[in-house]
Amino acid sequence: MEWGLMETPILLTNTLSVGSCSQGLVKYMVERYPGIGVEQDVLLP
């Protein structure tokens, strides 16, 4: 809402699995884009 941009996939799951999905998505994204958190900004799943 702040940037008006989407930069991650959207995941849908159950209420108590939001955290594990967020961690899984971060792991997936960092493997695909190893520059995240280094020469590129971090992301918010």
ModelCIF file with pLDDT and N, C-alpha, C, O atoms, coordinates in Angstrom:
data_MODEL
#
_entry.id   MODEL 
#
_entity.id                         1 
_entity.type                       polymer 
_entity.pdbx_number_of_molecules   1 
#
_entity_poly.entity_id                      1 
_entity_poly.type                           'polypeptide(L)' 
_entity_poly.nstd_linkage                   no 
_entity_poly.nstd_monomer                   no 
_entity_poly.pdbx_seq_one_letter_code       MEWGLMETPILLTNTLSVGSCSQGLVKYMVERYPGIGVEQDVLLP 
_entity_poly.pdbx_seq_one_letter_code_can   MEWGLMETPILLTNTLSVGSCSQGLVKYMVERYPGIGVEQDVLLP 
_entity_poly.pdbx_strand_id                 A 
#
loop_
_entity_poly_seq.entity_id 
_entity_poly_seq.num 
_entity_poly_seq.mon_id 
_entity_poly_seq.hetero 
1 1  MET n 
1 2  GLU n 
1 3  TRP n 
1 4  GLY n 
1 5  LEU n 
1 6  MET n 
1 7  GLU n 
1 8  THR n 
1 9  PRO n 
1 10 ILE n 
1 11 LEU n 
1 12 LEU n 
1 13 THR n 
1 14 ASN n 
1 15 THR n 
1 16 LEU n 
1 17 SER n 
1 18 VAL n 
1 19 GLY n 
1 20 SER n 
1 21 CYS n 
1 22 SER n 
1 23 GLN n 
1 24 GLY n 
1 25 LEU n 
1 26 VAL n 
1 27 LYS n 
1 28 TYR n 
1 29 MET n 
1 30 VAL n 
1 31 GLU n 
1 32 ARG n 
1 33 TYR n 
1 34 PRO n 
1 35 GLY n 
1 36 ILE n 
1 37 GLY n 
1 38 VAL n 
1 39 GLU n 
1 40 GLN n 
1 41 ASP n 
1 42 VAL n 
1 43 LEU n 
1 44 LEU n 
1 45 PRO n 
#
_struct_asym.id          A 
_struct_asym.entity_id   1 
#
loop_
_ma_qa_metric.id 
_ma_qa_metric.mode 
_ma_qa_metric.name 
_ma_qa_metric.software_group_id 
_ma_qa_metric.type 
1 global pLDDT . pLDDT 
2 local  pLDDT . pLDDT 
#
_ma_qa_metric_global.metric_id      1 
_ma_qa_metric_global.metric_value   96.84 
_ma_qa_metric_global.model_id       1 
_ma_qa_metric_global.ordinal_id     1 
#
loop_
_ma_qa_metric_local.label_asym_id 
_ma_qa_metric_local.label_comp_id 
_ma_qa_metric_local.label_seq_id 
_ma_qa_metric_local.metric_id 
_ma_qa_metric_local.metric_value 
_ma_qa_metric_local.model_id 
_ma_qa_metric_local.ordinal_id 
A MET 1  2 98.00 1 1  
A GLU 2  2 98.00 1 2  
A TRP 3  2 97.00 1 3  
A GLY 4  2 98.00 1 4  
A LEU 5  2 97.00 1 5  
A MET 6  2 97.00 1 6  
A GLU 7  2 97.00 1 7  
A THR 8  2 98.00 1 8  
A PRO 9  2 98.00 1 9  
A ILE 10 2 98.00 1 10 
A LEU 11 2 98.00 1 11 
A LEU 12 2 99.00 1 12 
A THR 13 2 98.00 1 13 
A ASN 14 2 98.00 1 14 
A THR 15 2 98.00 1 15 
A LEU 16 2 98.00 1 16 
A SER 17 2 98.00 1 17 
A VAL 18 2 98.00 1 18 
A GLY 19 2 98.00 1 19 
A SER 20 2 98.00 1 20 
A CYS 21 2 98.00 1 21 
A SER 22 2 98.00 1 22 
A GLN 23 2 98.00 1 23 
A GLY 24 2 98.00 1 24 
A LEU 25 2 98.00 1 25 
A VAL 26 2 98.00 1 26 
A LYS 27 2 98.00 1 27 
A TYR 28 2 98.00 1 28 
A MET 29 2 98.00 1 29 
A VAL 30 2 97.00 1 30 
A GLU 31 2 97.00 1 31 
A ARG 32 2 97.00 1 32 
A TYR 33 2 96.00 1 33 
A PRO 34 2 96.00 1 34 
A GLY 35 2 95.00 1 35 
A ILE 36 2 96.00 1 36 
A GLY 37 2 94.00 1 37 
A VAL 38 2 94.00 1 38 
A GLU 39 2 90.00 1 39 
A GLN 40 2 91.00 1 40 
A ASP 41 2 91.00 1 41 
A VAL 42 2 95.00 1 42 
A LEU 43 2 95.00 1 43 
A LEU 44 2 97.00 1 44 
A PRO 45 2 98.00 1 45 
#
loop_
_atom_site.group_PDB 
_atom_site.id 
_atom_site.type_symbol 
_atom_site.label_atom_id 
_atom_site.label_alt_id 
_atom_site.label_comp_id 
_atom_site.label_asym_id 
_atom_site.label_entity_id 
_atom_site.label_seq_id 
_atom_site.pdbx_PDB_ins_code 
_atom_site.Cartn_x 
_atom_site.Cartn_y 
_atom_site.Cartn_z 
_atom_site.occupancy 
_atom_site.B_iso_or_equiv 
_atom_site.pdbx_formal_charge 
_atom_site.auth_seq_id 
_atom_site.auth_comp_id 
_atom_site.auth_asym_id 
_atom_site.auth_atom_id 
_atom_site.pdbx_PDB_model_num 
ATOM 1   N N  . MET A 1 1  ? 0.823  -1.206  0.000  1.00 98.00 ? 1  MET A N  1 
ATOM 2   C CA . MET A 1 1  ? 0.000  0.000   0.000  1.00 98.00 ? 1  MET A CA 1 
ATOM 3   C C  . MET A 1 1  ? 0.860  1.261   0.000  1.00 98.00 ? 1  MET A C  1 
ATOM 4   O O  . MET A 1 1  ? 0.463  2.280   -0.565 1.00 98.00 ? 1  MET A O  1 
ATOM 5   N N  . GLU A 1 2  ? 2.023  1.202   0.622  1.00 98.00 ? 2  GLU A N  1 
ATOM 6   C CA . GLU A 1 2  ? 2.915  2.362   0.681  1.00 98.00 ? 2  GLU A CA 1 
ATOM 7   C C  . GLU A 1 2  ? 3.594  2.627   -0.659 1.00 98.00 ? 2  GLU A C  1 
ATOM 8   O O  . GLU A 1 2  ? 3.630  3.765   -1.126 1.00 98.00 ? 2  GLU A O  1 
ATOM 9   N N  . TRP A 1 3  ? 4.126  1.582   -1.272 1.00 97.00 ? 3  TRP A N  1 
ATOM 10  C CA . TRP A 1 3  ? 4.865  1.734   -2.527 1.00 97.00 ? 3  TRP A CA 1 
ATOM 11  C C  . TRP A 1 3  ? 3.970  1.630   -3.764 1.00 97.00 ? 3  TRP A C  1 
ATOM 12  O O  . TRP A 1 3  ? 4.292  2.172   -4.821 1.00 97.00 ? 3  TRP A O  1 
ATOM 13  N N  . GLY A 1 4  ? 2.851  0.930   -3.619 1.00 98.00 ? 4  GLY A N  1 
ATOM 14  C CA . GLY A 1 4  ? 2.026  0.665   -4.790 1.00 98.00 ? 4  GLY A CA 1 
ATOM 15  C C  . GLY A 1 4  ? 2.646  -0.349  -5.717 1.00 98.00 ? 4  GLY A C  1 
ATOM 16  O O  . GLY A 1 4  ? 2.372  -0.348  -6.917 1.00 98.00 ? 4  GLY A O  1 
ATOM 17  N N  . LEU A 1 5  ? 3.493  -1.229  -5.166 1.00 97.00 ? 5  LEU A N  1 
ATOM 18  C CA . LEU A 1 5  ? 4.192  -2.230  -5.962 1.00 97.00 ? 5  LEU A CA 1 
ATOM 19  C C  . LEU A 1 5  ? 4.151  -3.589  -5.273 1.00 97.00 ? 5  LEU A C  1 
ATOM 20  O O  . LEU A 1 5  ? 4.154  -3.675  -4.045 1.00 97.00 ? 5  LEU A O  1 
ATOM 21  N N  . MET A 1 6  ? 4.112  -4.636  -6.069 1.00 97.00 ? 6  MET A N  1 
ATOM 22  C CA . MET A 1 6  ? 4.205  -6.012  -5.596 1.00 97.00 ? 6  MET A CA 1 
ATOM 23  C C  . MET A 1 6  ? 5.524  -6.595  -6.075 1.00 97.00 ? 6  MET A C  1 
ATOM 24  O O  . MET A 1 6  ? 5.854  -6.497  -7.257 1.00 97.00 ? 6  MET A O  1 
ATOM 25  N N  . GLU A 1 7  ? 6.290  -7.208  -5.155 1.00 97.00 ? 7  GLU A N  1 
ATOM 26  C CA . GLU A 1 7  ? 7.577  -7.769  -5.553 1.00 97.00 ? 7  GLU A CA 1 
ATOM 27  C C  . GLU A 1 7  ? 7.777  -9.197  -5.069 1.00 97.00 ? 7  GLU A C  1 
ATOM 28  O O  . GLU A 1 7  ? 8.875  -9.738  -5.199 1.00 97.00 ? 7  GLU A O  1 
ATOM 29  N N  . THR A 1 8  ? 6.736  -9.824  -4.512 1.00 98.00 ? 8  THR A N  1 
ATOM 30  C CA . THR A 1 8  ? 6.821  -11.244 -4.157 1.00 98.00 ? 8  THR A CA 1 
ATOM 31  C C  . THR A 1 8  ? 5.557  -11.952 -4.644 1.00 98.00 ? 8  THR A C  1 
ATOM 32  O O  . THR A 1 8  ? 4.540  -11.304 -4.890 1.00 98.00 ? 8  THR A O  1 
ATOM 33  N N  . PRO A 1 9  ? 5.615  -13.270 -4.784 1.00 98.00 ? 9  PRO A N  1 
ATOM 34  C CA . PRO A 1 9  ? 4.377  -14.018 -5.002 1.00 98.00 ? 9  PRO A CA 1 
ATOM 35  C C  . PRO A 1 9  ? 3.425  -13.802 -3.825 1.00 98.00 ? 9  PRO A C  1 
ATOM 36  O O  . PRO A 1 9  ? 3.838  -13.341 -2.761 1.00 98.00 ? 9  PRO A O  1 
ATOM 37  N N  . ILE A 1 10 ? 2.162  -14.134 -4.023 1.00 98.00 ? 10 ILE A N  1 
ATOM 38  C CA . ILE A 1 10 ? 1.151  -14.065 -2.968 1.00 98.00 ? 10 ILE A CA 1 
ATOM 39  C C  . ILE A 1 10 ? 0.832  -15.491 -2.536 1.00 98.00 ? 10 ILE A C  1 
ATOM 40  O O  . ILE A 1 10 ? 0.515  -16.340 -3.370 1.00 98.00 ? 10 ILE A O  1 
ATOM 41  N N  . LEU A 1 11 ? 0.916  -15.754 -1.241 1.00 98.00 ? 11 LEU A N  1 
ATOM 42  C CA . LEU A 1 11 ? 0.581  -17.064 -0.705 1.00 98.00 ? 11 LEU A CA 1 
ATOM 43  C C  . LEU A 1 11 ? -0.693 -16.977 0.127  1.00 98.00 ? 11 LEU A C  1 
ATOM 44  O O  . LEU A 1 11 ? -0.918 -15.999 0.840  1.00 98.00 ? 11 LEU A O  1 
ATOM 45  N N  . LEU A 1 12 ? -1.521 -18.012 0.026  1.00 99.00 ? 12 LEU A N  1 
ATOM 46  C CA . LEU A 1 12 ? -2.736 -18.136 0.827  1.00 99.00 ? 12 LEU A CA 1 
ATOM 47  C C  . LEU A 1 12 ? -2.663 -19.429 1.622  1.00 99.00 ? 12 LEU A C  1 
ATOM 48  O O  . LEU A 1 12 ? -2.317 -20.478 1.080  1.00 99.00 ? 12 LEU A O  1 
ATOM 49  N N  . THR A 1 13 ? -2.990 -19.353 2.916  1.00 98.00 ? 13 THR A N  1 
ATOM 50  C CA . THR A 1 13 ? -2.873 -20.526 3.786  1.00 98.00 ? 13 THR A CA 1 
ATOM 51  C C  . THR A 1 13 ? -3.775 -20.358 5.001  1.00 98.00 ? 13 THR A C  1 
ATOM 52  O O  . THR A 1 13 ? -4.635 -19.477 5.020  1.00 98.00 ? 13 THR A O  1 
ATOM 53  N N  . ASN A 1 14 ? -3.581 -21.206 6.025  1.00 98.00 ? 14 ASN A N  1 
ATOM 54  C CA . ASN A 1 14 ? -4.383 -21.063 7.244  1.00 98.00 ? 14 ASN A CA 1 
ATOM 55  C C  . ASN A 1 14 ? -3.727 -20.085 8.216  1.00 98.00 ? 14 ASN A C  1 
ATOM 56  O O  . ASN A 1 14 ? -2.555 -19.741 8.062  1.00 98.00 ? 14 ASN A O  1 
ATOM 57  N N  . THR A 1 15 ? -4.483 -19.643 9.211  1.00 98.00 ? 15 THR A N  1 
ATOM 58  C CA . THR A 1 15 ? -4.078 -18.552 10.092 1.00 98.00 ? 15 THR A CA 1 
ATOM 59  C C  . THR A 1 15 ? -2.758 -18.808 10.801 1.00 98.00 ? 15 THR A C  1 
ATOM 60  O O  . THR A 1 15 ? -1.910 -17.918 10.861 1.00 98.00 ? 15 THR A O  1 
ATOM 61  N N  . LEU A 1 16 ? -2.569 -20.001 11.334 1.00 98.00 ? 16 LEU A N  1 
ATOM 62  C CA . LEU A 1 16 ? -1.383 -20.278 12.130 1.00 98.00 ? 16 LEU A CA 1 
ATOM 63  C C  . LEU A 1 16 ? -0.193 -20.744 11.298 1.00 98.00 ? 16 LEU A C  1 
ATOM 64  O O  . LEU A 1 16 ? 0.850  -21.099 11.847 1.00 98.00 ? 16 LEU A O  1 
ATOM 65  N N  . SER A 1 17 ? -0.345 -20.744 9.982  1.00 98.00 ? 17 SER A N  1 
ATOM 66  C CA . SER A 1 17 ? 0.768  -21.113 9.098  1.00 98.00 ? 17 SER A CA 1 
ATOM 67  C C  . SER A 1 17 ? 1.325  -19.916 8.339  1.00 98.00 ? 17 SER A C  1 
ATOM 68  O O  . SER A 1 17 ? 2.155  -20.080 7.445  1.00 98.00 ? 17 SER A O  1 
ATOM 69  N N  . VAL A 1 18 ? 0.874  -18.712 8.690  1.00 98.00 ? 18 VAL A N  1 
ATOM 70  C CA . VAL A 1 18 ? 1.391  -17.523 8.022  1.00 98.00 ? 18 VAL A CA 1 
ATOM 71  C C  . VAL A 1 18 ? 2.902  -17.425 8.209  1.00 98.00 ? 18 VAL A C  1 
ATOM 72  O O  . VAL A 1 18 ? 3.630  -17.136 7.259  1.00 98.00 ? 18 VAL A O  1 
ATOM 73  N N  . GLY A 1 19 ? 3.376  -17.664 9.434  1.00 98.00 ? 19 GLY A N  1 
ATOM 74  C CA . GLY A 1 19 ? 4.800  -17.561 9.713  1.00 98.00 ? 19 GLY A CA 1 
ATOM 75  C C  . GLY A 1 19 ? 5.634  -18.541 8.927  1.00 98.00 ? 19 GLY A C  1 
ATOM 76  O O  . GLY A 1 19 ? 6.659  -18.168 8.356  1.00 98.00 ? 19 GLY A O  1 
ATOM 77  N N  . SER A 1 20 ? 5.207  -19.803 8.888  1.00 98.00 ? 20 SER A N  1 
ATOM 78  C CA . SER A 1 20 ? 5.987  -20.814 8.165  1.00 98.00 ? 20 SER A CA 1 
ATOM 79  C C  . SER A 1 20 ? 5.962  -20.545 6.660  1.00 98.00 ? 20 SER A C  1 
ATOM 80  O O  . SER A 1 20 ? 6.952  -20.789 5.971  1.00 98.00 ? 20 SER A O  1 
ATOM 81  N N  . CYS A 1 21 ? 4.843  -20.048 6.151  1.00 98.00 ? 21 CYS A N  1 
ATOM 82  C CA . CYS A 1 21 ? 4.783  -19.701 4.730  1.00 98.00 ? 21 CYS A CA 1 
ATOM 83  C C  . CYS A 1 21 ? 5.680  -18.507 4.424  1.00 98.00 ? 21 CYS A C  1 
ATOM 84  O O  . CYS A 1 21 ? 6.358  -18.473 3.397  1.00 98.00 ? 21 CYS A O  1 
ATOM 85  N N  . SER A 1 22 ? 5.678  -17.539 5.318  1.00 98.00 ? 22 SER A N  1 
ATOM 86  C CA . SER A 1 22 ? 6.554  -16.381 5.135  1.00 98.00 ? 22 SER A CA 1 
ATOM 87  C C  . SER A 1 22 ? 8.015  -16.801 5.115  1.00 98.00 ? 22 SER A C  1 
ATOM 88  O O  . SER A 1 22 ? 8.782  -16.349 4.265  1.00 98.00 ? 22 SER A O  1 
ATOM 89  N N  . GLN A 1 23 ? 8.404  -17.665 6.048  1.00 98.00 ? 23 GLN A N  1 
ATOM 90  C CA . GLN A 1 23 ? 9.783  -18.149 6.086  1.00 98.00 ? 23 GLN A CA 1 
ATOM 91  C C  . GLN A 1 23 ? 10.117 -18.965 4.839  1.00 98.00 ? 23 GLN A C  1 
ATOM 92  O O  . GLN A 1 23 ? 11.201 -18.837 4.270  1.00 98.00 ? 23 GLN A O  1 
ATOM 93  N N  . GLY A 1 24 ? 9.165  -19.806 4.422  1.00 98.00 ? 24 GLY A N  1 
ATOM 94  C CA . GLY A 1 24 ? 9.392  -20.617 3.229  1.00 98.00 ? 24 GLY A CA 1 
ATOM 95  C C  . GLY A 1 24 ? 9.558  -19.762 1.987  1.00 98.00 ? 24 GLY A C  1 
ATOM 96  O O  . GLY A 1 24 ? 10.391 -20.054 1.128  1.00 98.00 ? 24 GLY A O  1 
ATOM 97  N N  . LEU A 1 25 ? 8.759  -18.700 1.894  1.00 98.00 ? 25 LEU A N  1 
ATOM 98  C CA . LEU A 1 25 ? 8.845  -17.819 0.733  1.00 98.00 ? 25 LEU A CA 1 
ATOM 99  C C  . LEU A 1 25 ? 10.152 -17.029 0.738  1.00 98.00 ? 25 LEU A C  1 
ATOM 100 O O  . LEU A 1 25 ? 10.766 -16.835 -0.311 1.00 98.00 ? 25 LEU A O  1 
ATOM 101 N N  . VAL A 1 26 ? 10.576 -16.576 1.912  1.00 98.00 ? 26 VAL A N  1 
ATOM 102 C CA . VAL A 1 26 ? 11.869 -15.889 1.998  1.00 98.00 ? 26 VAL A CA 1 
ATOM 103 C C  . VAL A 1 26 ? 12.999 -16.815 1.547  1.00 98.00 ? 26 VAL A C  1 
ATOM 104 O O  . VAL A 1 26 ? 13.869 -16.406 0.777  1.00 98.00 ? 26 VAL A O  1 
ATOM 105 N N  . LYS A 1 27 ? 12.986 -18.048 2.022  1.00 98.00 ? 27 LYS A N  1 
ATOM 106 C CA . LYS A 1 27 ? 14.012 -19.028 1.639  1.00 98.00 ? 27 LYS A CA 1 
ATOM 107 C C  . LYS A 1 27 ? 14.017 -19.232 0.118  1.00 98.00 ? 27 LYS A C  1 
ATOM 108 O O  . LYS A 1 27 ? 15.074 -19.250 -0.512 1.00 98.00 ? 27 LYS A O  1 
ATOM 109 N N  . TYR A 1 28 ? 12.834 -19.382 -0.453 1.00 98.00 ? 28 TYR A N  1 
ATOM 110 C CA . TYR A 1 28 ? 12.694 -19.571 -1.887 1.00 98.00 ? 28 TYR A CA 1 
ATOM 111 C C  . TYR A 1 28 ? 13.240 -18.368 -2.655 1.00 98.00 ? 28 TYR A C  1 
ATOM 112 O O  . TYR A 1 28 ? 13.971 -18.532 -3.632 1.00 98.00 ? 28 TYR A O  1 
ATOM 113 N N  . MET A 1 29 ? 12.886 -17.165 -2.215 1.00 98.00 ? 29 MET A N  1 
ATOM 114 C CA . MET A 1 29 ? 13.299 -15.959 -2.924 1.00 98.00 ? 29 MET A CA 1 
ATOM 115 C C  . MET A 1 29 ? 14.800 -15.717 -2.808 1.00 98.00 ? 29 MET A C  1 
ATOM 116 O O  . MET A 1 29 ? 15.441 -15.331 -3.785 1.00 98.00 ? 29 MET A O  1 
ATOM 117 N N  . VAL A 1 30 ? 15.365 -15.938 -1.627 1.00 97.00 ? 30 VAL A N  1 
ATOM 118 C CA . VAL A 1 30 ? 16.805 -15.726 -1.443 1.00 97.00 ? 30 VAL A CA 1 
ATOM 119 C C  . VAL A 1 30 ? 17.609 -16.709 -2.290 1.00 97.00 ? 30 VAL A C  1 
ATOM 120 O O  . VAL A 1 30 ? 18.668 -16.356 -2.809 1.00 97.00 ? 30 VAL A O  1 
ATOM 121 N N  . GLU A 1 31 ? 17.115 -17.938 -2.433 1.00 97.00 ? 31 GLU A N  1 
ATOM 122 C CA . GLU A 1 31 ? 17.796 -18.908 -3.291 1.00 97.00 ? 31 GLU A CA 1 
ATOM 123 C C  . GLU A 1 31 ? 17.765 -18.477 -4.750 1.00 97.00 ? 31 GLU A C  1 
ATOM 124 O O  . GLU A 1 31 ? 18.738 -18.665 -5.481 1.00 97.00 ? 31 GLU A O  1 
ATOM 125 N N  . ARG A 1 32 ? 16.647 -17.898 -5.170 1.00 97.00 ? 32 ARG A N  1 
ATOM 126 C CA . ARG A 1 32 ? 16.519 -17.455 -6.568 1.00 97.00 ? 32 ARG A CA 1 
ATOM 127 C C  . ARG A 1 32 ? 17.247 -16.145 -6.818 1.00 97.00 ? 32 ARG A C  1 
ATOM 128 O O  . ARG A 1 32 ? 17.782 -15.921 -7.904 1.00 97.00 ? 32 ARG A O  1 
ATOM 129 N N  . TYR A 1 33 ? 17.266 -15.280 -5.811 1.00 96.00 ? 33 TYR A N  1 
ATOM 130 C CA . TYR A 1 33 ? 17.862 -13.954 -5.945 1.00 96.00 ? 33 TYR A CA 1 
ATOM 131 C C  . TYR A 1 33 ? 18.854 -13.747 -4.794 1.00 96.00 ? 33 TYR A C  1 
ATOM 132 O O  . TYR A 1 33 ? 18.517 -13.098 -3.803 1.00 96.00 ? 33 TYR A O  1 
ATOM 133 N N  . PRO A 1 34 ? 20.059 -14.284 -4.912 1.00 96.00 ? 34 PRO A N  1 
ATOM 134 C CA . PRO A 1 34 ? 21.020 -14.244 -3.805 1.00 96.00 ? 34 PRO A CA 1 
ATOM 135 C C  . PRO A 1 34 ? 21.473 -12.843 -3.430 1.00 96.00 ? 34 PRO A C  1 
ATOM 136 O O  . PRO A 1 34 ? 22.124 -12.668 -2.400 1.00 96.00 ? 34 PRO A O  1 
ATOM 137 N N  . GLY A 1 35 ? 21.149 -11.845 -4.234 1.00 95.00 ? 35 GLY A N  1 
ATOM 138 C CA . GLY A 1 35 ? 21.508 -10.474 -3.899 1.00 95.00 ? 35 GLY A CA 1 
ATOM 139 C C  . GLY A 1 35 ? 20.608 -9.830  -2.859 1.00 95.00 ? 35 GLY A C  1 
ATOM 140 O O  . GLY A 1 35 ? 20.912 -8.744  -2.365 1.00 95.00 ? 35 GLY A O  1 
ATOM 141 N N  . ILE A 1 36 ? 19.484 -10.496 -2.512 1.00 96.00 ? 36 ILE A N  1 
ATOM 142 C CA . ILE A 1 36 ? 18.562 -9.950  -1.504 1.00 96.00 ? 36 ILE A CA 1 
ATOM 143 C C  . ILE A 1 36 ? 19.300 -9.798  -0.175 1.00 96.00 ? 36 ILE A C  1 
ATOM 144 O O  . ILE A 1 36 ? 19.926 -10.735 0.319  1.00 96.00 ? 36 ILE A O  1 
ATOM 145 N N  . GLY A 1 37 ? 19.209 -8.600  0.387  1.00 94.00 ? 37 GLY A N  1 
ATOM 146 C CA . GLY A 1 37 ? 19.859 -8.338  1.664  1.00 94.00 ? 37 GLY A CA 1 
ATOM 147 C C  . GLY A 1 37 ? 21.346 -8.076  1.558  1.00 94.00 ? 37 GLY A C  1 
ATOM 148 O O  . GLY A 1 37 ? 22.018 -7.883  2.571  1.00 94.00 ? 37 GLY A O  1 
ATOM 149 N N  . VAL A 1 38 ? 21.873 -8.069  0.321  1.00 94.00 ? 38 VAL A N  1 
ATOM 150 C CA . VAL A 1 38 ? 23.303 -7.802  0.099  1.00 94.00 ? 38 VAL A CA 1 
ATOM 151 C C  . VAL A 1 38 ? 23.408 -6.536  -0.749 1.00 94.00 ? 38 VAL A C  1 
ATOM 152 O O  . VAL A 1 38 ? 23.538 -5.436  -0.212 1.00 94.00 ? 38 VAL A O  1 
ATOM 153 N N  . GLU A 1 39 ? 23.351 -6.694  -2.100 1.00 90.00 ? 39 GLU A N  1 
ATOM 154 C CA . GLU A 1 39 ? 23.339 -5.496  -2.940 1.00 90.00 ? 39 GLU A CA 1 
ATOM 155 C C  . GLU A 1 39 ? 21.922 -5.047  -3.291 1.00 90.00 ? 39 GLU A C  1 
ATOM 156 O O  . GLU A 1 39 ? 21.723 -3.965  -3.843 1.00 90.00 ? 39 GLU A O  1 
ATOM 157 N N  . GLN A 1 40 ? 20.944 -5.887  -2.965 1.00 91.00 ? 40 GLN A N  1 
ATOM 158 C CA . GLN A 1 40 ? 19.545 -5.518  -3.156 1.00 91.00 ? 40 GLN A CA 1 
ATOM 159 C C  . GLN A 1 40 ? 18.846 -5.416  -1.807 1.00 91.00 ? 40 GLN A C  1 
ATOM 160 O O  . GLN A 1 40 ? 19.309 -5.956  -0.802 1.00 91.00 ? 40 GLN A O  1 
ATOM 161 N N  . ASP A 1 41 ? 17.709 -4.702  -1.811 1.00 91.00 ? 41 ASP A N  1 
ATOM 162 C CA . ASP A 1 41 ? 16.952 -4.510  -0.585 1.00 91.00 ? 41 ASP A CA 1 
ATOM 163 C C  . ASP A 1 41 ? 16.373 -5.842  -0.107 1.00 91.00 ? 41 ASP A C  1 
ATOM 164 O O  . ASP A 1 41 ? 16.291 -6.805  -0.868 1.00 91.00 ? 41 ASP A O  1 
ATOM 165 N N  . VAL A 1 42 ? 15.971 -5.879  1.174  1.00 95.00 ? 42 VAL A N  1 
ATOM 166 C CA . VAL A 1 42 ? 15.249 -7.037  1.690  1.00 95.00 ? 42 VAL A CA 1 
ATOM 167 C C  . VAL A 1 42 ? 13.836 -7.034  1.129  1.00 95.00 ? 42 VAL A C  1 
ATOM 168 O O  . VAL A 1 42 ? 13.446 -6.085  0.449  1.00 95.00 ? 42 VAL A O  1 
ATOM 169 N N  . LEU A 1 43 ? 13.064 -8.075  1.400  1.00 95.00 ? 43 LEU A N  1 
ATOM 170 C CA . LEU A 1 43 ? 11.687 -8.141  0.902  1.00 95.00 ? 43 LEU A CA 1 
ATOM 171 C C  . LEU A 1 43 ? 10.733 -8.491  2.034  1.00 95.00 ? 43 LEU A C  1 
ATOM 172 O O  . LEU A 1 43 ? 11.133 -8.989  3.086  1.00 95.00 ? 43 LEU A O  1 
ATOM 173 N N  . LEU A 1 44 ? 9.459  -8.214  1.781  1.00 97.00 ? 44 LEU A N  1 
ATOM 174 C CA . LEU A 1 44 ? 8.402  -8.532  2.739  1.00 97.00 ? 44 LEU A CA 1 
ATOM 175 C C  . LEU A 1 44 ? 7.387  -9.436  2.050  1.00 97.00 ? 44 LEU A C  1 
ATOM 176 O O  . LEU A 1 44 ? 6.618  -8.963  1.214  1.00 97.00 ? 44 LEU A O  1 
ATOM 177 N N  . PRO A 1 45 ? 7.367  -10.733 2.381  1.00 98.00 ? 45 PRO A N  1 
ATOM 178 C CA . PRO A 1 45 ? 6.466  -11.677 1.717  1.00 98.00 ? 45 PRO A CA 1 
ATOM 179 C C  . PRO A 1 45 ? 4.997  -11.316 1.937  1.00 98.00 ? 45 PRO A C  1 
ATOM 180 O O  . PRO A 1 45 ? 4.110  -12.012 1.443  1.00 98.00 ? 45 PRO A O  1 
#
